[in-house]
């Protein structure tokens, strides 16, 4: 169960229209949006901090989430572990709408997960 929920790599089906979302292709803009914020998702009791030095830390459903990230060719690329289980490396399209940030795996061709910035 744990692996299915976060293998979303953080992936959950998005239900909102794509036209409302604006792509974030610049690392500086991405970091500015995250400054002093956490990525949260109430359903999974998830809270993640993505730091400028390439670290990911937080938790979901009672297990620690750790990882590293980099910005490559306009995509957020990350490798993570959740409760010790690896979540493989993947480069993701980042989009924003208001106080929400959406990550879509496989450079925008895969599953999506939306998070609140808090």
PDB file of N, CA and C in Angstrom:
ATOM      1  N   UNK A   1       0.838  -1.203   0.000  1.00  0.00           N
ATOM      2  CA  UNK A   1       0.000   0.000   0.000  1.00  0.00           C
ATOM      3  C   UNK A   1       0.869   1.248   0.000  1.00  0.00           C
ATOM      4  N   UNK A   2       1.881   1.254   0.871  1.00  0.00           N
ATOM      5  CA  UNK A   2       2.751   2.425   0.984  1.00  0.00           C
ATOM      6  C   UNK A   2       3.390   2.739  -0.354  1.00  0.00           C
ATOM      7  N   UNK A   3       3.895   1.716  -1.022  1.00  0.00           N
ATOM      8  CA  UNK A   3       4.600   1.949  -2.269  1.00  0.00           C
ATOM      9  C   UNK A   3       3.664   2.473  -3.356  1.00  0.00           C
ATOM     10  N   UNK A   4       2.443   1.987  -3.383  1.00  0.00           N
ATOM     11  CA  UNK A   4       1.476   2.434  -4.384  1.00  0.00           C
ATOM     12  C   UNK A   4       1.162   3.911  -4.195  1.00  0.00           C
ATOM     13  N   UNK A   5       0.957   4.347  -2.975  1.00  0.00           N
ATOM     14  CA  UNK A   5       0.567   5.727  -2.716  1.00  0.00           C
ATOM     15  C   UNK A   5       1.655   6.697  -3.137  1.00  0.00           C
ATOM     16  N   UNK A   6       2.908   6.449  -2.782  1.00  0.00           N
ATOM     17  CA  UNK A   6       3.942   7.432  -3.088  1.00  0.00           C
ATOM     18  C   UNK A   6       4.675   7.106  -4.368  1.00  0.00           C
ATOM     19  N   UNK A   7       4.451   5.971  -4.949  1.00  0.00           N
ATOM     20  CA  UNK A   7       5.063   5.692  -6.226  1.00  0.00           C
ATOM     21  C   UNK A   7       4.516   6.686  -7.214  1.00  0.00           C
ATOM     22  N   UNK A   8       3.526   7.384  -6.788  1.00  0.00           N
ATOM     23  CA  UNK A   8       3.097   8.556  -7.482  1.00  0.00           C
ATOM     24  C   UNK A   8       4.349   9.383  -7.658  1.00  0.00           C
ATOM     25  N   UNK A   9       5.434   8.982  -6.965  1.00  0.00           N
ATOM     26  CA  UNK A   9       6.702   9.687  -7.045  1.00  0.00           C
ATOM     27  C   UNK A   9       6.268  11.040  -6.847  1.00  0.00           C
ATOM     28  N   UNK A  10       5.446  10.901  -6.508  1.00  0.00           N
ATOM     29  CA  UNK A  10       4.300  11.565  -6.035  1.00  0.00           C
ATOM     30  C   UNK A  10       3.408  11.694  -7.271  1.00  0.00           C
ATOM     31  N   UNK A  11       2.559  10.676  -7.494  1.00  0.00           N
ATOM     32  CA  UNK A  11       1.682  10.673  -8.661  1.00  0.00           C
ATOM     33  C   UNK A  11       0.243  10.399  -8.278  1.00  0.00           C
ATOM     34  N   UNK A  12      -0.616  11.302  -8.604  1.00  0.00           N
ATOM     35  CA  UNK A  12      -2.052  11.129  -8.423  1.00  0.00           C
ATOM     36  C   UNK A  12      -2.700  11.799  -9.618  1.00  0.00           C
ATOM     37  N   UNK A  13      -3.802  11.272 -10.067  1.00  0.00           N
ATOM     38  CA  UNK A  13      -4.440  11.823 -11.257  1.00  0.00           C
ATOM     39  C   UNK A  13      -4.908  13.252 -11.018  1.00  0.00           C
ATOM     40  N   UNK A  14      -4.583  14.111 -11.941  1.00  0.00           N
ATOM     41  CA  UNK A  14      -5.024  15.502 -11.864  1.00  0.00           C
ATOM     42  C   UNK A  14      -6.414  15.596 -12.470  1.00  0.00           C
ATOM     43  N   UNK A  15      -7.258  16.398 -11.850  1.00  0.00           N
ATOM     44  CA  UNK A  15      -8.630  16.495 -12.335  1.00  0.00           C
ATOM     45  C   UNK A  15      -8.967  17.875 -12.876  1.00  0.00           C
ATOM     46  N   UNK A  16      -8.022  18.788 -12.871  1.00  0.00           N
ATOM     47  CA  UNK A  16      -8.304  20.135 -13.331  1.00  0.00           C
ATOM     48  C   UNK A  16      -7.827  20.316 -14.766  1.00  0.00           C
ATOM     49  N   UNK A  17      -8.381  21.285 -15.429  1.00  0.00           N
ATOM     50  CA  UNK A  17      -8.050  21.550 -16.823  1.00  0.00           C
ATOM     51  C   UNK A  17      -6.610  22.022 -16.962  1.00  0.00           C
ATOM     52  N   UNK A  18      -5.922  21.473 -17.943  1.00  0.00           N
ATOM     53  CA  UNK A  18      -4.518  21.812 -18.165  1.00  0.00           C
ATOM     54  C   UNK A  18      -4.344  23.286 -18.518  1.00  0.00           C
ATOM     55  N   UNK A  19      -5.336  23.902 -19.108  1.00  0.00           N
ATOM     56  CA  UNK A  19      -5.221  25.297 -19.529  1.00  0.00           C
ATOM     57  C   UNK A  19      -5.017  26.247 -18.349  1.00  0.00           C
ATOM     58  N   UNK A  20      -5.450  25.850 -17.155  1.00  0.00           N
ATOM     59  CA  UNK A  20      -5.297  26.701 -15.977  1.00  0.00           C
ATOM     60  C   UNK A  20      -3.879  26.687 -15.429  1.00  0.00           C
ATOM     61  N   UNK A  21      -3.112  25.715 -15.771  1.00  0.00           N
ATOM     62  CA  UNK A  21      -1.767  25.533 -15.229  1.00  0.00           C
ATOM     63  C   UNK A  21      -0.741  26.226 -16.117  1.00  0.00           C
ATOM     64  N   UNK A  22       0.252  26.852 -15.478  1.00  0.00           N
ATOM     65  CA  UNK A  22       1.327  27.531 -16.189  1.00  0.00           C
ATOM     66  C   UNK A  22       2.636  26.781 -15.955  1.00  0.00           C
ATOM     67  N   UNK A  23       3.360  26.405 -17.023  1.00  0.00           N
ATOM     68  CA  UNK A  23       4.609  25.671 -16.846  1.00  0.00           C
ATOM     69  C   UNK A  23       5.672  26.522 -16.149  1.00  0.00           C
ATOM     70  N   UNK A  24       6.476  25.847 -15.351  1.00  0.00           N
ATOM     71  CA  UNK A  24       7.640  26.468 -14.700  1.00  0.00           C
ATOM     72  C   UNK A  24       8.852  25.768 -15.299  1.00  0.00           C
ATOM     73  N   UNK A  25       9.584  26.479 -16.143  1.00  0.00           N
ATOM     74  CA  UNK A  25      10.726  25.865 -16.825  1.00  0.00           C
ATOM     75  C   UNK A  25      12.058  26.442 -16.371  1.00  0.00           C
ATOM     76  N   UNK A  26      12.015  27.415 -15.479  1.00  0.00           N
ATOM     77  CA  UNK A  26      13.221  28.085 -15.006  1.00  0.00           C
ATOM     78  C   UNK A  26      13.491  27.731 -13.540  1.00  0.00           C
ATOM     79  N   UNK A  27      14.669  27.246 -13.248  1.00  0.00           N
ATOM     80  CA  UNK A  27      15.013  26.843 -11.890  1.00  0.00           C
ATOM     81  C   UNK A  27      14.896  28.006 -10.906  1.00  0.00           C
ATOM     82  N   UNK A  28      15.316  29.195 -11.287  1.00  0.00           N
ATOM     83  CA  UNK A  28      15.217  30.352 -10.398  1.00  0.00           C
ATOM     84  C   UNK A  28      13.782  30.657 -10.014  1.00  0.00           C
ATOM     85  N   UNK A  29      12.884  30.599 -10.983  1.00  0.00           N
ATOM     86  CA  UNK A  29      11.457  30.830 -10.700  1.00  0.00           C
ATOM     87  C   UNK A  29      10.910  29.738  -9.787  1.00  0.00           C
ATOM     88  N   UNK A  30      11.286  28.496 -10.052  1.00  0.00           N
ATOM     89  CA  UNK A  30      10.866  27.366  -9.225  1.00  0.00           C
ATOM     90  C   UNK A  30      11.296  27.579  -7.772  1.00  0.00           C
ATOM     91  N   UNK A  31      12.552  27.917  -7.567  1.00  0.00           N
ATOM     92  CA  UNK A  31      13.066  28.120  -6.209  1.00  0.00           C
ATOM     93  C   UNK A  31      12.406  29.323  -5.532  1.00  0.00           C
ATOM     94  N   UNK A  32      12.144  30.371  -6.280  1.00  0.00           N
ATOM     95  CA  UNK A  32      11.483  31.553  -5.707  1.00  0.00           C
ATOM     96  C   UNK A  32      10.084  31.194  -5.207  1.00  0.00           C
ATOM     97  N   UNK A  33       9.377  30.350  -5.933  1.00  0.00           N
ATOM     98  CA  UNK A  33       8.032  29.937  -5.516  1.00  0.00           C
ATOM     99  C   UNK A  33       8.079  29.082  -4.253  1.00  0.00           C
ATOM    100  N   UNK A  34       9.131  28.307  -4.103  1.00  0.00           N
ATOM    101  CA  UNK A  34       9.240  27.396  -2.958  1.00  0.00           C
ATOM    102  C   UNK A  34       9.863  28.043  -1.724  1.00  0.00           C
ATOM    103  N   UNK A  35      10.431  29.232  -1.881  1.00  0.00           N
ATOM    104  CA  UNK A  35      11.114  29.869  -0.759  1.00  0.00           C
ATOM    105  C   UNK A  35      10.168  30.034   0.435  1.00  0.00           C
ATOM    106  N   UNK A  36      10.546  29.434   1.566  1.00  0.00           N
ATOM    107  CA  UNK A  36       9.752  29.513   2.776  1.00  0.00           C
ATOM    108  C   UNK A  36       8.466  28.700   2.743  1.00  0.00           C
ATOM    109  N   UNK A  37       8.309  27.840   1.743  1.00  0.00           N
ATOM    110  CA  UNK A  37       7.084  27.054   1.559  1.00  0.00           C
ATOM    111  C   UNK A  37       7.383  25.560   1.647  1.00  0.00           C
ATOM    112  N   UNK A  38       6.341  24.801   1.921  1.00  0.00           N
ATOM    113  CA  UNK A  38       6.391  23.350   1.824  1.00  0.00           C
ATOM    114  C   UNK A  38       5.378  22.913   0.789  1.00  0.00           C
ATOM    115  N   UNK A  39       5.631  21.784   0.169  1.00  0.00           N
ATOM    116  CA  UNK A  39       4.652  21.144  -0.700  1.00  0.00           C
ATOM    117  C   UNK A  39       3.824  20.227   0.191  1.00  0.00           C
ATOM    118  N   UNK A  40       2.510  20.414   0.194  1.00  0.00           N
ATOM    119  CA  UNK A  40       1.658  19.628   1.081  1.00  0.00           C
ATOM    120  C   UNK A  40       0.535  18.954   0.303  1.00  0.00           C
ATOM    121  N   UNK A  41       0.062  17.846   0.863  1.00  0.00           N
ATOM    122  CA  UNK A  41      -1.087  17.127   0.308  1.00  0.00           C
ATOM    123  C   UNK A  41      -1.824  16.509   1.487  1.00  0.00           C
ATOM    124  N   UNK A  42      -3.023  16.987   1.768  1.00  0.00           N
ATOM    125  CA  UNK A  42      -3.769  16.539   2.959  1.00  0.00           C
ATOM    126  C   UNK A  42      -4.131  15.064   2.921  1.00  0.00           C
ATOM    127  N   UNK A  43      -4.527  14.549   1.774  1.00  0.00           N
ATOM    128  CA  UNK A  43      -4.957  13.160   1.675  1.00  0.00           C
ATOM    129  C   UNK A  43      -3.874  12.191   2.155  1.00  0.00           C
ATOM    130  N   UNK A  44      -2.625  12.506   1.840  1.00  0.00           N
ATOM    131  CA  UNK A  44      -1.506  11.634   2.207  1.00  0.00           C
ATOM    132  C   UNK A  44      -0.761  12.129   3.438  1.00  0.00           C
ATOM    133  N   UNK A  45      -1.295  13.181   4.091  1.00  0.00           N
ATOM    134  CA  UNK A  45      -0.603  13.787   5.232  1.00  0.00           C
ATOM    135  C   UNK A  45       0.854  14.023   4.867  1.00  0.00           C
ATOM    136  N   UNK A  46       1.051  14.589   3.689  1.00  0.00           N
ATOM    137  CA  UNK A  46       2.371  14.778   3.118  1.00  0.00           C
ATOM    138  C   UNK A  46       2.809  16.222   3.271  1.00  0.00           C
ATOM    139  N   UNK A  47       4.052  16.410   3.662  1.00  0.00           N
ATOM    140  CA  UNK A  47       4.681  17.726   3.690  1.00  0.00           C
ATOM    141  C   UNK A  47       6.136  17.539   3.293  1.00  0.00           C
ATOM    142  N   UNK A  48       6.547  18.221   2.231  1.00  0.00           N
ATOM    143  CA  UNK A  48       7.909  18.118   1.722  1.00  0.00           C
ATOM    144  C   UNK A  48       8.545  19.490   1.640  1.00  0.00           C
ATOM    145  N   UNK A  49       9.818  19.535   1.963  1.00  0.00           N
ATOM    146  CA  UNK A  49      10.617  20.731   1.758  1.00  0.00           C
ATOM    147  C   UNK A  49      11.621  20.410   0.659  1.00  0.00           C
ATOM    148  N   UNK A  50      11.673  21.276  -0.351  1.00  0.00           N
ATOM    149  CA  UNK A  50      12.631  21.158  -1.443  1.00  0.00           C
ATOM    150  C   UNK A  50      13.587  22.334  -1.288  1.00  0.00           C
ATOM    151  N   UNK A  51      14.853  22.048  -1.007  1.00  0.00           N
ATOM    152  CA  UNK A  51      15.804  23.108  -0.691  1.00  0.00           C
ATOM    153  C   UNK A  51      16.637  23.507  -1.911  1.00  0.00           C
ATOM    154  N   UNK A  52      17.148  24.739  -1.903  1.00  0.00           N
ATOM    155  CA  UNK A  52      17.976  25.197  -3.013  1.00  0.00           C
ATOM    156  C   UNK A  52      19.253  24.371  -3.215  1.00  0.00           C
ATOM    157  N   UNK A  53      19.716  23.682  -2.160  1.00  0.00           N
ATOM    158  CA  UNK A  53      20.955  22.906  -2.288  1.00  0.00           C
ATOM    159  C   UNK A  53      20.718  21.480  -2.780  1.00  0.00           C
ATOM    160  N   UNK A  54      19.532  21.198  -3.325  1.00  0.00           N
ATOM    161  CA  UNK A  54      19.278  19.915  -3.955  1.00  0.00           C
ATOM    162  C   UNK A  54      18.762  18.821  -3.050  1.00  0.00           C
ATOM    163  N   UNK A  55      18.231  19.167  -1.892  1.00  0.00           N
ATOM    164  CA  UNK A  55      17.724  18.162  -0.958  1.00  0.00           C
ATOM    165  C   UNK A  55      16.189  18.174  -0.917  1.00  0.00           C
ATOM    166  N   UNK A  56      15.618  17.018  -0.646  1.00  0.00           N
ATOM    167  CA  UNK A  56      14.185  16.861  -0.425  1.00  0.00           C
ATOM    168  C   UNK A  56      14.038  16.168   0.926  1.00  0.00           C
ATOM    169  N   UNK A  57      13.189  16.717   1.789  1.00  0.00           N
ATOM    170  CA  UNK A  57      12.974  16.115   3.107  1.00  0.00           C
ATOM    171  C   UNK A  57      11.535  16.344   3.537  1.00  0.00           C
ATOM    172  N   UNK A  58      11.006  15.396   4.277  1.00  0.00           N
ATOM    173  CA  UNK A  58       9.648  15.544   4.794  1.00  0.00           C
ATOM    174  C   UNK A  58       9.087  14.213   5.201  1.00  0.00           C
ATOM    175  N   UNK A  59       7.772  14.086   5.055  1.00  0.00           N
ATOM    176  CA  UNK A  59       7.118  12.847   5.444  1.00  0.00           C
ATOM    177  C   UNK A  59       5.768  12.712   4.784  1.00  0.00           C
ATOM    178  N   UNK A  60       5.285  11.457   4.752  1.00  0.00           N
ATOM    179  CA  UNK A  60       3.966  11.151   4.216  1.00  0.00           C
ATOM    180  C   UNK A  60       3.448   9.891   4.907  1.00  0.00           C
ATOM    181  N   UNK A  61       2.236   9.949   5.386  1.00  0.00           N
ATOM    182  CA  UNK A  61       1.583   8.823   6.035  1.00  0.00           C
ATOM    183  C   UNK A  61       2.448   8.202   7.130  1.00  0.00           C
ATOM    184  N   UNK A  62       3.200   9.052   7.830  1.00  0.00           N
ATOM    185  CA  UNK A  62       3.982   8.586   8.961  1.00  0.00           C
ATOM    186  C   UNK A  62       5.381   8.097   8.639  1.00  0.00           C
ATOM    187  N   UNK A  63       5.774   8.093   7.376  1.00  0.00           N
ATOM    188  CA  UNK A  63       7.114   7.664   6.995  1.00  0.00           C
ATOM    189  C   UNK A  63       7.913   8.843   6.460  1.00  0.00           C
ATOM    190  N   UNK A  64       9.220   8.835   6.729  1.00  0.00           N
ATOM    191  CA  UNK A  64      10.102   9.885   6.231  1.00  0.00           C
ATOM    192  C   UNK A  64      10.246   9.800   4.718  1.00  0.00           C
ATOM    193  N   UNK A  65      10.352  10.966   4.117  1.00  0.00           N
ATOM    194  CA  UNK A  65      10.668  11.086   2.694  1.00  0.00           C
ATOM    195  C   UNK A  65      11.990  11.836   2.609  1.00  0.00           C
ATOM    196  N   UNK A  66      12.941  11.278   1.872  1.00  0.00           N
ATOM    197  CA  UNK A  66      14.234  11.927   1.660  1.00  0.00           C
ATOM    198  C   UNK A  66      14.575  11.832   0.184  1.00  0.00           C
ATOM    199  N   UNK A  67      15.450  12.708  -0.260  1.00  0.00           N
ATOM    200  CA  UNK A  67      15.862  12.616  -1.650  1.00  0.00           C
ATOM    201  C   UNK A  67      16.744  13.760  -2.075  1.00  0.00           C
ATOM    202  N   UNK A  68      17.081  13.712  -3.337  1.00  0.00           N
ATOM    203  CA  UNK A  68      17.869  14.775  -3.960  1.00  0.00           C
ATOM    204  C   UNK A  68      17.182  15.168  -5.261  1.00  0.00           C
ATOM    205  N   UNK A  69      17.487  16.384  -5.700  1.00  0.00           N
ATOM    206  CA  UNK A  69      16.898  16.858  -6.946  1.00  0.00           C
ATOM    207  C   UNK A  69      17.890  17.745  -7.675  1.00  0.00           C
ATOM    208  N   UNK A  70      17.651  17.916  -8.970  1.00  0.00           N
ATOM    209  CA  UNK A  70      18.407  18.860  -9.799  1.00  0.00           C
ATOM    210  C   UNK A  70      17.456  19.385 -10.876  1.00  0.00           C
ATOM    211  N   UNK A  71      17.866  20.425 -11.538  1.00  0.00           N
ATOM    212  CA  UNK A  71      17.066  21.012 -12.610  1.00  0.00           C
ATOM    213  C   UNK A  71      17.792  20.732 -13.914  1.00  0.00           C
ATOM    214  N   UNK A  72      17.131  20.057 -14.860  1.00  0.00           N
ATOM    215  CA  UNK A  72      17.776  19.682 -16.120  1.00  0.00           C
ATOM    216  C   UNK A  72      16.858  19.970 -17.295  1.00  0.00           C
ATOM    217  N   UNK A  73      17.325  20.828 -18.186  1.00  0.00           N
ATOM    218  CA  UNK A  73      16.594  21.132 -19.426  1.00  0.00           C
ATOM    219  C   UNK A  73      15.146  21.535 -19.184  1.00  0.00           C
ATOM    220  N   UNK A  74      14.898  22.299 -18.111  1.00  0.00           N
ATOM    221  CA  UNK A  74      13.558  22.793 -17.821  1.00  0.00           C
ATOM    222  C   UNK A  74      12.694  21.838 -17.012  1.00  0.00           C
ATOM    223  N   UNK A  75      13.272  20.765 -16.503  1.00  0.00           N
ATOM    224  CA  UNK A  75      12.521  19.783 -15.737  1.00  0.00           C
ATOM    225  C   UNK A  75      13.117  19.587 -14.345  1.00  0.00           C
ATOM    226  N   UNK A  76      12.252  19.262 -13.389  1.00  0.00           N
ATOM    227  CA  UNK A  76      12.622  18.921 -12.022  1.00  0.00           C
ATOM    228  C   UNK A  76      12.940  17.427 -12.011  1.00  0.00           C
ATOM    229  N   UNK A  77      14.184  17.083 -11.746  1.00  0.00           N
ATOM    230  CA  UNK A  77      14.611  15.683 -11.751  1.00  0.00           C
ATOM    231  C   UNK A  77      14.936  15.276 -10.332  1.00  0.00           C
ATOM    232  N   UNK A  78      14.329  14.171  -9.882  1.00  0.00           N
ATOM    233  CA  UNK A  78      14.503  13.781  -8.491  1.00  0.00           C
ATOM    234  C   UNK A  78      14.651  12.279  -8.351  1.00  0.00           C
ATOM    235  N   UNK A  79      15.310  11.923  -7.245  1.00  0.00           N
ATOM    236  CA  UNK A  79      15.412  10.546  -6.789  1.00  0.00           C
ATOM    237  C   UNK A  79      15.077  10.593  -5.315  1.00  0.00           C
ATOM    238  N   UNK A  80      14.209   9.690  -4.846  1.00  0.00           N
ATOM    239  CA  UNK A  80      13.736   9.794  -3.468  1.00  0.00           C
ATOM    240  C   UNK A  80      13.627   8.416  -2.824  1.00  0.00           C
ATOM    241  N   UNK A  81      13.401   8.454  -1.518  1.00  0.00           N
ATOM    242  CA  UNK A  81      13.067   7.248  -0.765  1.00  0.00           C
ATOM    243  C   UNK A  81      11.942   7.620   0.188  1.00  0.00           C
ATOM    244  N   UNK A  82      11.035   6.687   0.371  1.00  0.00           N
ATOM    245  CA  UNK A  82       9.900   6.896   1.276  1.00  0.00           C
ATOM    246  C   UNK A  82       9.870   5.739   2.245  1.00  0.00           C
ATOM    247  N   UNK A  83      10.120   6.035   3.517  1.00  0.00           N
ATOM    248  CA  UNK A  83      10.175   4.976   4.522  1.00  0.00           C
ATOM    249  C   UNK A  83      11.226   3.940   4.188  1.00  0.00           C
ATOM    250  N   UNK A  84      12.302   4.359   3.513  1.00  0.00           N
ATOM    251  CA  UNK A  84      13.382   3.453   3.136  1.00  0.00           C
ATOM    252  C   UNK A  84      13.201   2.793   1.781  1.00  0.00           C
ATOM    253  N   UNK A  85      12.013   2.878   1.189  1.00  0.00           N
ATOM    254  CA  UNK A  85      11.776   2.291  -0.132  1.00  0.00           C
ATOM    255  C   UNK A  85      12.162   3.299  -1.213  1.00  0.00           C
ATOM    256  N   UNK A  86      13.004   2.882  -2.163  1.00  0.00           N
ATOM    257  CA  UNK A  86      13.436   3.819  -3.207  1.00  0.00           C
ATOM    258  C   UNK A  86      12.315   4.184  -4.171  1.00  0.00           C
ATOM    259  N   UNK A  87      12.326   5.436  -4.583  1.00  0.00           N
ATOM    260  CA  UNK A  87      11.466   5.929  -5.656  1.00  0.00           C
ATOM    261  C   UNK A  87      12.426   6.336  -6.761  1.00  0.00           C
ATOM    262  N   UNK A  88      12.410   5.649  -7.889  1.00  0.00           N
ATOM    263  CA  UNK A  88      13.446   5.844  -8.912  1.00  0.00           C
ATOM    264  C   UNK A  88      13.525   7.267  -9.456  1.00  0.00           C
ATOM    265  N   UNK A  89      14.682   7.571  -9.982  1.00  0.00           N
ATOM    266  CA  UNK A  89      14.971   8.847 -10.631  1.00  0.00           C
ATOM    267  C   UNK A  89      13.940   9.101 -11.720  1.00  0.00           C
ATOM    268  N   UNK A  90      13.465  10.362 -11.794  1.00  0.00           N
ATOM    269  CA  UNK A  90      12.505  10.743 -12.819  1.00  0.00           C
ATOM    270  C   UNK A  90      12.560  12.249 -13.000  1.00  0.00           C
ATOM    271  N   UNK A  91      12.481  12.702 -14.245  1.00  0.00           N
ATOM    272  CA  UNK A  91      12.418  14.133 -14.544  1.00  0.00           C
ATOM    273  C   UNK A  91      10.967  14.502 -14.823  1.00  0.00           C
ATOM    274  N   UNK A  92      10.519  15.601 -14.191  1.00  0.00           N
ATOM    275  CA  UNK A  92       9.106  15.934 -14.194  1.00  0.00           C
ATOM    276  C   UNK A  92       8.846  17.361 -14.661  1.00  0.00           C
ATOM    277  N   UNK A  93       7.752  17.524 -15.373  1.00  0.00           N
ATOM    278  CA  UNK A  93       7.249  18.841 -15.739  1.00  0.00           C
ATOM    279  C   UNK A  93       6.650  19.470 -14.485  1.00  0.00           C
ATOM    280  N   UNK A  94       6.976  20.730 -14.226  1.00  0.00           N
ATOM    281  CA  UNK A  94       6.409  21.463 -13.094  1.00  0.00           C
ATOM    282  C   UNK A  94       5.480  22.530 -13.646  1.00  0.00           C
ATOM    283  N   UNK A  95       4.288  22.629 -13.044  1.00  0.00           N
ATOM    284  CA  UNK A  95       3.324  23.662 -13.419  1.00  0.00           C
ATOM    285  C   UNK A  95       2.766  24.283 -12.149  1.00  0.00           C
ATOM    286  N   UNK A  96       2.283  25.510 -12.278  1.00  0.00           N
ATOM    287  CA  UNK A  96       1.750  26.213 -11.120  1.00  0.00           C
ATOM    288  C   UNK A  96       0.413  26.846 -11.467  1.00  0.00           C
ATOM    289  N   UNK A  97      -0.445  26.912 -10.450  1.00  0.00           N
ATOM    290  CA  UNK A  97      -1.734  27.597 -10.559  1.00  0.00           C
ATOM    291  C   UNK A  97      -2.059  28.113  -9.160  1.00  0.00           C
ATOM    292  N   UNK A  98      -1.997  29.422  -8.977  1.00  0.00           N
ATOM    293  CA  UNK A  98      -2.265  29.991  -7.657  1.00  0.00           C
ATOM    294  C   UNK A  98      -1.294  29.431  -6.635  1.00  0.00           C
ATOM    295  N   UNK A  99      -1.828  28.829  -5.558  1.00  0.00           N
ATOM    296  CA  UNK A  99      -0.963  28.269  -4.516  1.00  0.00           C
ATOM    297  C   UNK A  99      -0.786  26.759  -4.680  1.00  0.00           C
ATOM    298  N   UNK A 100      -0.988  26.260  -5.901  1.00  0.00           N
ATOM    299  CA  UNK A 100      -0.811  24.836  -6.191  1.00  0.00           C
ATOM    300  C   UNK A 100       0.371  24.647  -7.141  1.00  0.00           C
ATOM    301  N   UNK A 101       1.086  23.553  -6.948  1.00  0.00           N
ATOM    302  CA  UNK A 101       2.164  23.173  -7.845  1.00  0.00           C
ATOM    303  C   UNK A 101       1.911  21.730  -8.252  1.00  0.00           C
ATOM    304  N   UNK A 102       1.997  21.487  -9.555  1.00  0.00           N
ATOM    305  CA  UNK A 102       1.746  20.153 -10.086  1.00  0.00           C
ATOM    306  C   UNK A 102       3.021  19.610 -10.726  1.00  0.00           C
ATOM    307  N   UNK A 103       3.314  18.344 -10.442  1.00  0.00           N
ATOM    308  CA  UNK A 103       4.458  17.646 -11.004  1.00  0.00           C
ATOM    309  C   UNK A 103       3.928  16.512 -11.861  1.00  0.00           C
ATOM    310  N   UNK A 104       4.395  16.416 -13.125  1.00  0.00           N
ATOM    311  CA  UNK A 104       3.977  15.352 -14.029  1.00  0.00           C
ATOM    312  C   UNK A 104       5.214  14.565 -14.435  1.00  0.00           C
ATOM    313  N   UNK A 105       5.194  13.262 -14.115  1.00  0.00           N
ATOM    314  CA  UNK A 105       6.341  12.401 -14.363  1.00  0.00           C
ATOM    315  C   UNK A 105       6.648  12.286 -15.852  1.00  0.00           C
ATOM    316  N   UNK A 106       7.796  11.705 -16.129  1.00  0.00           N
ATOM    317  CA  UNK A 106       8.240  11.407 -17.497  1.00  0.00           C
ATOM    318  C   UNK A 106       8.204  12.642 -18.387  1.00  0.00           C
ATOM    319  N   UNK A 107       8.749  13.744 -17.867  1.00  0.00           N
ATOM    320  CA  UNK A 107       8.839  15.023 -18.579  1.00  0.00           C
ATOM    321  C   UNK A 107       7.486  15.489 -19.108  1.00  0.00           C
ATOM    322  N   UNK A 108       6.439  15.239 -18.328  1.00  0.00           N
ATOM    323  CA  UNK A 108       5.106  15.708 -18.682  1.00  0.00           C
ATOM    324  C   UNK A 108       4.234  14.676 -19.361  1.00  0.00           C
ATOM    325  N   UNK A 109       4.758  13.480 -19.629  1.00  0.00           N
ATOM    326  CA  UNK A 109       3.988  12.460 -20.344  1.00  0.00           C
ATOM    327  C   UNK A 109       3.364  11.426 -19.418  1.00  0.00           C
ATOM    328  N   UNK A 110       3.640  11.496 -18.097  1.00  0.00           N
ATOM    329  CA  UNK A 110       3.170  10.463 -17.173  1.00  0.00           C
ATOM    330  C   UNK A 110       2.070  10.944 -16.255  1.00  0.00           C
ATOM    331  N   UNK A 111       2.034  10.360 -15.078  1.00  0.00           N
ATOM    332  CA  UNK A 111       1.042  10.687 -14.051  1.00  0.00           C
ATOM    333  C   UNK A 111       1.396  12.008 -13.377  1.00  0.00           C
ATOM    334  N   UNK A 112       0.379  12.662 -12.822  1.00  0.00           N
ATOM    335  CA  UNK A 112       0.552  13.962 -12.173  1.00  0.00           C
ATOM    336  C   UNK A 112       0.139  13.911 -10.703  1.00  0.00           C
ATOM    337  N   UNK A 113       0.743  14.772  -9.935  1.00  0.00           N
ATOM    338  CA  UNK A 113       0.350  14.978  -8.542  1.00  0.00           C
ATOM    339  C   UNK A 113       0.377  16.480  -8.271  1.00  0.00           C
ATOM    340  N   UNK A 114      -0.658  16.975  -7.606  1.00  0.00           N
ATOM    341  CA  UNK A 114      -0.749  18.398  -7.264  1.00  0.00           C
ATOM    342  C   UNK A 114      -0.566  18.569  -5.773  1.00  0.00           C
ATOM    343  N   UNK A 115       0.131  19.644  -5.417  1.00  0.00           N
ATOM    344  CA  UNK A 115       0.424  19.954  -4.012  1.00  0.00           C
ATOM    345  C   UNK A 115       0.115  21.407  -3.738  1.00  0.00           C
ATOM    346  N   UNK A 116      -0.230  21.701  -2.516  1.00  0.00           N
ATOM    347  CA  UNK A 116      -0.402  23.086  -2.064  1.00  0.00           C
ATOM    348  C   UNK A 116       0.936  23.609  -1.601  1.00  0.00           C
ATOM    349  N   UNK A 117       1.168  24.876  -1.849  1.00  0.00           N
ATOM    350  CA  UNK A 117       2.333  25.566  -1.299  1.00  0.00           C
ATOM    351  C   UNK A 117       1.894  26.209  -0.007  1.00  0.00           C
ATOM    352  N   UNK A 118       2.503  25.820   1.109  1.00  0.00           N
ATOM    353  CA  UNK A 118       2.139  26.372   2.420  1.00  0.00           C
ATOM    354  C   UNK A 118       3.364  26.684   3.206  1.00  0.00           C
TER     355      UNK A 118
END
